[in-house]
């Protein structure tokens, strides 16, 4: 179970991922580890990374 503090931190990192803002390697590792124990975090992370991948794909065209 995630604490309120963890959820707030996760949401902040996910928001920055979706907005293509800076996210540290440590934050990405934190999200990856939490996504292994929380399906909710896994879904949020997948959604945010899909958006990030789409932006990268558009930049390559």
PDB file of N, CA and C in Angstrom:
ATOM      1  N   UNK A   1       0.846  -1.185   0.000  1.00  0.00           N
ATOM      2  CA  UNK A   1       0.000   0.000   0.000  1.00  0.00           C
ATOM      3  C   UNK A   1       0.888   1.244   0.000  1.00  0.00           C
ATOM      4  N   UNK A   2       0.539   2.187  -0.852  1.00  0.00           N
ATOM      5  CA  UNK A   2       1.304   3.418  -0.936  1.00  0.00           C
ATOM      6  C   UNK A   2       0.772   4.449   0.047  1.00  0.00           C
ATOM      7  N   UNK A   3       1.685   5.169   0.646  1.00  0.00           N
ATOM      8  CA  UNK A   3       1.283   6.228   1.566  1.00  0.00           C
ATOM      9  C   UNK A   3       0.854   7.457   0.755  1.00  0.00           C
ATOM     10  N   UNK A   4       0.184   8.366   1.410  1.00  0.00           N
ATOM     11  CA  UNK A   4      -0.216   9.620   0.761  1.00  0.00           C
ATOM     12  C   UNK A   4       1.003  10.365   0.243  1.00  0.00           C
ATOM     13  N   UNK A   5       2.069  10.349   1.035  1.00  0.00           N
ATOM     14  CA  UNK A   5       3.306  11.037   0.645  1.00  0.00           C
ATOM     15  C   UNK A   5       3.879  10.418  -0.637  1.00  0.00           C
ATOM     16  N   UNK A   6       3.878   9.081  -0.713  1.00  0.00           N
ATOM     17  CA  UNK A   6       4.379   8.412  -1.915  1.00  0.00           C
ATOM     18  C   UNK A   6       3.522   8.738  -3.131  1.00  0.00           C
ATOM     19  N   UNK A   7       2.209   8.737  -2.956  1.00  0.00           N
ATOM     20  CA  UNK A   7       1.315   9.043  -4.071  1.00  0.00           C
ATOM     21  C   UNK A   7       1.517  10.459  -4.590  1.00  0.00           C
ATOM     22  N   UNK A   8       1.709  11.393  -3.692  1.00  0.00           N
ATOM     23  CA  UNK A   8       1.963  12.782  -4.093  1.00  0.00           C
ATOM     24  C   UNK A   8       3.257  12.864  -4.894  1.00  0.00           C
ATOM     25  N   UNK A   9       4.303  12.184  -4.413  1.00  0.00           N
ATOM     26  CA  UNK A   9       5.595  12.182  -5.112  1.00  0.00           C
ATOM     27  C   UNK A   9       5.457  11.534  -6.492  1.00  0.00           C
ATOM     28  N   UNK A  10       4.764  10.411  -6.552  1.00  0.00           N
ATOM     29  CA  UNK A  10       4.567   9.707  -7.816  1.00  0.00           C
ATOM     30  C   UNK A  10       3.809  10.589  -8.803  1.00  0.00           C
ATOM     31  N   UNK A  11       2.733  11.201  -8.358  1.00  0.00           N
ATOM     32  CA  UNK A  11       1.935  12.050  -9.239  1.00  0.00           C
ATOM     33  C   UNK A  11       2.748  13.219  -9.778  1.00  0.00           C
ATOM     34  N   UNK A  12       3.605  13.792  -8.949  1.00  0.00           N
ATOM     35  CA  UNK A  12       4.449  14.908  -9.380  1.00  0.00           C
ATOM     36  C   UNK A  12       5.434  14.451 -10.463  1.00  0.00           C
ATOM     37  N   UNK A  13       6.055  13.311 -10.262  1.00  0.00           N
ATOM     38  CA  UNK A  13       7.009  12.796 -11.248  1.00  0.00           C
ATOM     39  C   UNK A  13       6.280  12.450 -12.549  1.00  0.00           C
ATOM     40  N   UNK A  14       5.132  11.789 -12.442  1.00  0.00           N
ATOM     41  CA  UNK A  14       4.344  11.420 -13.618  1.00  0.00           C
ATOM     42  C   UNK A  14       3.910  12.673 -14.388  1.00  0.00           C
ATOM     43  N   UNK A  15       3.512  13.712 -13.657  1.00  0.00           N
ATOM     44  CA  UNK A  15       3.113  14.966 -14.309  1.00  0.00           C
ATOM     45  C   UNK A  15       4.266  15.527 -15.137  1.00  0.00           C
ATOM     46  N   UNK A  16       5.466  15.513 -14.553  1.00  0.00           N
ATOM     47  CA  UNK A  16       6.622  16.035 -15.286  1.00  0.00           C
ATOM     48  C   UNK A  16       6.962  15.172 -16.496  1.00  0.00           C
ATOM     49  N   UNK A  17       6.800  13.856 -16.371  1.00  0.00           N
ATOM     50  CA  UNK A  17       7.017  12.983 -17.527  1.00  0.00           C
ATOM     51  C   UNK A  17       6.040  13.320 -18.650  1.00  0.00           C
ATOM     52  N   UNK A  18       4.773  13.481 -18.295  1.00  0.00           N
ATOM     53  CA  UNK A  18       3.751  13.787 -19.302  1.00  0.00           C
ATOM     54  C   UNK A  18       4.009  15.130 -19.970  1.00  0.00           C
ATOM     55  N   UNK A  19       4.573  16.068 -19.238  1.00  0.00           N
ATOM     56  CA  UNK A  19       4.850  17.401 -19.773  1.00  0.00           C
ATOM     57  C   UNK A  19       6.243  17.493 -20.403  1.00  0.00           C
ATOM     58  N   UNK A  20       6.919  16.360 -20.490  1.00  0.00           N
ATOM     59  CA  UNK A  20       8.281  16.288 -21.066  1.00  0.00           C
ATOM     60  C   UNK A  20       9.262  17.199 -20.334  1.00  0.00           C
ATOM     61  N   UNK A  21       9.087  17.287 -19.028  1.00  0.00           N
ATOM     62  CA  UNK A  21      10.009  18.067 -18.209  1.00  0.00           C
ATOM     63  C   UNK A  21      11.060  17.137 -17.606  1.00  0.00           C
ATOM     64  N   UNK A  22      12.037  17.706 -16.977  1.00  0.00           N
ATOM     65  CA  UNK A  22      13.158  16.951 -16.437  1.00  0.00           C
ATOM     66  C   UNK A  22      12.737  15.989 -15.318  1.00  0.00           C
ATOM     67  N   UNK A  23      13.183  14.739 -15.454  1.00  0.00           N
ATOM     68  CA  UNK A  23      12.983  13.716 -14.436  1.00  0.00           C
ATOM     69  C   UNK A  23      14.324  13.021 -14.254  1.00  0.00           C
ATOM     70  N   UNK A  24      14.789  12.934 -13.019  1.00  0.00           N
ATOM     71  CA  UNK A  24      16.101  12.352 -12.767  1.00  0.00           C
ATOM     72  C   UNK A  24      16.072  10.833 -12.925  1.00  0.00           C
ATOM     73  N   UNK A  25      17.243  10.273 -13.086  1.00  0.00           N
ATOM     74  CA  UNK A  25      17.364   8.815 -13.163  1.00  0.00           C
ATOM     75  C   UNK A  25      16.854   8.179 -11.870  1.00  0.00           C
ATOM     76  N   UNK A  26      17.175   8.777 -10.741  1.00  0.00           N
ATOM     77  CA  UNK A  26      16.708   8.254  -9.455  1.00  0.00           C
ATOM     78  C   UNK A  26      15.178   8.231  -9.391  1.00  0.00           C
ATOM     79  N   UNK A  27      14.541   9.264  -9.908  1.00  0.00           N
ATOM     80  CA  UNK A  27      13.078   9.308  -9.917  1.00  0.00           C
ATOM     81  C   UNK A  27      12.502   8.232 -10.838  1.00  0.00           C
ATOM     82  N   UNK A  28      13.150   8.011 -11.972  1.00  0.00           N
ATOM     83  CA  UNK A  28      12.683   6.971 -12.895  1.00  0.00           C
ATOM     84  C   UNK A  28      12.837   5.586 -12.260  1.00  0.00           C
ATOM     85  N   UNK A  29      13.932   5.371 -11.561  1.00  0.00           N
ATOM     86  CA  UNK A  29      14.140   4.100 -10.864  1.00  0.00           C
ATOM     87  C   UNK A  29      13.093   3.932  -9.771  1.00  0.00           C
ATOM     88  N   UNK A  30      12.813   4.990  -9.045  1.00  0.00           N
ATOM     89  CA  UNK A  30      11.789   4.976  -7.996  1.00  0.00           C
ATOM     90  C   UNK A  30      10.439   4.564  -8.580  1.00  0.00           C
ATOM     91  N   UNK A  31      10.051   5.165  -9.707  1.00  0.00           N
ATOM     92  CA  UNK A  31       8.784   4.820 -10.350  1.00  0.00           C
ATOM     93  C   UNK A  31       8.773   3.376 -10.832  1.00  0.00           C
ATOM     94  N   UNK A  32       9.877   2.938 -11.402  1.00  0.00           N
ATOM     95  CA  UNK A  32       9.961   1.564 -11.895  1.00  0.00           C
ATOM     96  C   UNK A  32       9.800   0.576 -10.754  1.00  0.00           C
ATOM     97  N   UNK A  33      10.470   0.836  -9.651  1.00  0.00           N
ATOM     98  CA  UNK A  33      10.363  -0.064  -8.496  1.00  0.00           C
ATOM     99  C   UNK A  33       8.947  -0.072  -7.925  1.00  0.00           C
ATOM    100  N   UNK A  34       8.325   1.084  -7.824  1.00  0.00           N
ATOM    101  CA  UNK A  34       6.952   1.137  -7.319  1.00  0.00           C
ATOM    102  C   UNK A  34       5.974   0.473  -8.278  1.00  0.00           C
ATOM    103  N   UNK A  35       6.242   0.585  -9.572  1.00  0.00           N
ATOM    104  CA  UNK A  35       5.326  -0.018 -10.548  1.00  0.00           C
ATOM    105  C   UNK A  35       5.328  -1.539 -10.457  1.00  0.00           C
ATOM    106  N   UNK A  36       6.379  -2.104  -9.891  1.00  0.00           N
ATOM    107  CA  UNK A  36       6.452  -3.559  -9.712  1.00  0.00           C
ATOM    108  C   UNK A  36       5.536  -4.044  -8.591  1.00  0.00           C
ATOM    109  N   UNK A  37       5.186  -3.152  -7.675  1.00  0.00           N
ATOM    110  CA  UNK A  37       4.332  -3.552  -6.549  1.00  0.00           C
ATOM    111  C   UNK A  37       2.959  -2.897  -6.579  1.00  0.00           C
ATOM    112  N   UNK A  38       2.758  -1.944  -7.482  1.00  0.00           N
ATOM    113  CA  UNK A  38       1.480  -1.234  -7.556  1.00  0.00           C
ATOM    114  C   UNK A  38       1.008  -1.173  -9.007  1.00  0.00           C
ATOM    115  N   UNK A  39      -0.111  -1.824  -9.290  1.00  0.00           N
ATOM    116  CA  UNK A  39      -0.643  -1.775 -10.659  1.00  0.00           C
ATOM    117  C   UNK A  39      -1.083  -0.363 -11.032  1.00  0.00           C
ATOM    118  N   UNK A  40      -1.532   0.409 -10.056  1.00  0.00           N
ATOM    119  CA  UNK A  40      -1.937   1.788 -10.321  1.00  0.00           C
ATOM    120  C   UNK A  40      -0.747   2.610 -10.811  1.00  0.00           C
ATOM    121  N   UNK A  41       0.370   2.516 -10.110  1.00  0.00           N
ATOM    122  CA  UNK A  41       1.581   3.247 -10.517  1.00  0.00           C
ATOM    123  C   UNK A  41       2.050   2.737 -11.875  1.00  0.00           C
ATOM    124  N   UNK A  42       1.964   1.435 -12.093  1.00  0.00           N
ATOM    125  CA  UNK A  42       2.372   0.853 -13.378  1.00  0.00           C
ATOM    126  C   UNK A  42       1.549   1.439 -14.521  1.00  0.00           C
ATOM    127  N   UNK A  43       0.248   1.574 -14.328  1.00  0.00           N
ATOM    128  CA  UNK A  43      -0.618   2.145 -15.361  1.00  0.00           C
ATOM    129  C   UNK A  43      -0.274   3.605 -15.617  1.00  0.00           C
ATOM    130  N   UNK A  44      -0.065   4.374 -14.560  1.00  0.00           N
ATOM    131  CA  UNK A  44       0.292   5.790 -14.712  1.00  0.00           C
ATOM    132  C   UNK A  44       1.621   5.929 -15.450  1.00  0.00           C
ATOM    133  N   UNK A  45       2.589   5.095 -15.059  1.00  0.00           N
ATOM    134  CA  UNK A  45       3.913   5.155 -15.673  1.00  0.00           C
ATOM    135  C   UNK A  45       3.827   4.780 -17.148  1.00  0.00           C
ATOM    136  N   UNK A  46       3.105   3.725 -17.476  1.00  0.00           N
ATOM    137  CA  UNK A  46       2.943   3.310 -18.865  1.00  0.00           C
ATOM    138  C   UNK A  46       2.323   4.432 -19.696  1.00  0.00           C
ATOM    139  N   UNK A  47       1.306   5.055 -19.164  1.00  0.00           N
ATOM    140  CA  UNK A  47       0.635   6.151 -19.861  1.00  0.00           C
ATOM    141  C   UNK A  47       1.589   7.322 -20.095  1.00  0.00           C
ATOM    142  N   UNK A  48       2.330   7.690 -19.070  1.00  0.00           N
ATOM    143  CA  UNK A  48       3.259   8.819 -19.182  1.00  0.00           C
ATOM    144  C   UNK A  48       4.380   8.513 -20.168  1.00  0.00           C
ATOM    145  N   UNK A  49       4.908   7.294 -20.129  1.00  0.00           N
ATOM    146  CA  UNK A  49       5.997   6.937 -21.032  1.00  0.00           C
ATOM    147  C   UNK A  49       5.512   6.799 -22.469  1.00  0.00           C
ATOM    148  N   UNK A  50       4.273   6.370 -22.650  1.00  0.00           N
ATOM    149  CA  UNK A  50       3.722   6.291 -24.002  1.00  0.00           C
ATOM    150  C   UNK A  50       3.653   7.686 -24.613  1.00  0.00           C
ATOM    151  N   UNK A  51       3.254   8.658 -23.809  1.00  0.00           N
ATOM    152  CA  UNK A  51       3.206  10.045 -24.264  1.00  0.00           C
ATOM    153  C   UNK A  51       4.612  10.538 -24.601  1.00  0.00           C
ATOM    154  N   UNK A  52       5.574  10.232 -23.745  1.00  0.00           N
ATOM    155  CA  UNK A  52       6.955  10.639 -23.969  1.00  0.00           C
ATOM    156  C   UNK A  52       7.505   9.995 -25.247  1.00  0.00           C
ATOM    157  N   UNK A  53       7.215   8.726 -25.459  1.00  0.00           N
ATOM    158  CA  UNK A  53       7.681   8.025 -26.658  1.00  0.00           C
ATOM    159  C   UNK A  53       7.072   8.643 -27.913  1.00  0.00           C
ATOM    160  N   UNK A  54       5.813   9.025 -27.851  1.00  0.00           N
ATOM    161  CA  UNK A  54       5.146   9.660 -28.991  1.00  0.00           C
ATOM    162  C   UNK A  54       5.832  10.982 -29.345  1.00  0.00           C
ATOM    163  N   UNK A  55       6.173  11.750 -28.347  1.00  0.00           N
ATOM    164  CA  UNK A  55       6.850  13.033 -28.583  1.00  0.00           C
ATOM    165  C   UNK A  55       8.210  12.797 -29.231  1.00  0.00           C
ATOM    166  N   UNK A  56       8.946  11.802 -28.756  1.00  0.00           N
ATOM    167  CA  UNK A  56      10.256  11.485 -29.330  1.00  0.00           C
ATOM    168  C   UNK A  56      10.101  11.045 -30.779  1.00  0.00           C
ATOM    169  N   UNK A  57       9.102  10.203 -31.060  1.00  0.00           N
ATOM    170  CA  UNK A  57       8.848   9.750 -32.427  1.00  0.00           C
ATOM    171  C   UNK A  57       8.572  10.927 -33.356  1.00  0.00           C
ATOM    172  N   UNK A  58       7.791  11.894 -32.899  1.00  0.00           N
ATOM    173  CA  UNK A  58       7.468  13.061 -33.724  1.00  0.00           C
ATOM    174  C   UNK A  58       8.716  13.893 -34.000  1.00  0.00           C
ATOM    175  N   UNK A  59       9.611  13.985 -33.032  1.00  0.00           N
ATOM    176  CA  UNK A  59      10.830  14.752 -33.215  1.00  0.00           C
ATOM    177  C   UNK A  59      11.761  14.106 -34.242  1.00  0.00           C
ATOM    178  N   UNK A  60      11.679  12.779 -34.376  1.00  0.00           N
ATOM    179  CA  UNK A  60      12.535  12.070 -35.309  1.00  0.00           C
ATOM    180  C   UNK A  60      12.061  12.191 -36.763  1.00  0.00           C
ATOM    181  N   UNK A  61      10.810  12.570 -36.943  1.00  0.00           N
ATOM    182  CA  UNK A  61      10.283  12.680 -38.316  1.00  0.00           C
ATOM    183  C   UNK A  61      10.691  13.952 -38.992  1.00  0.00           C
TER     184      UNK A  61
END
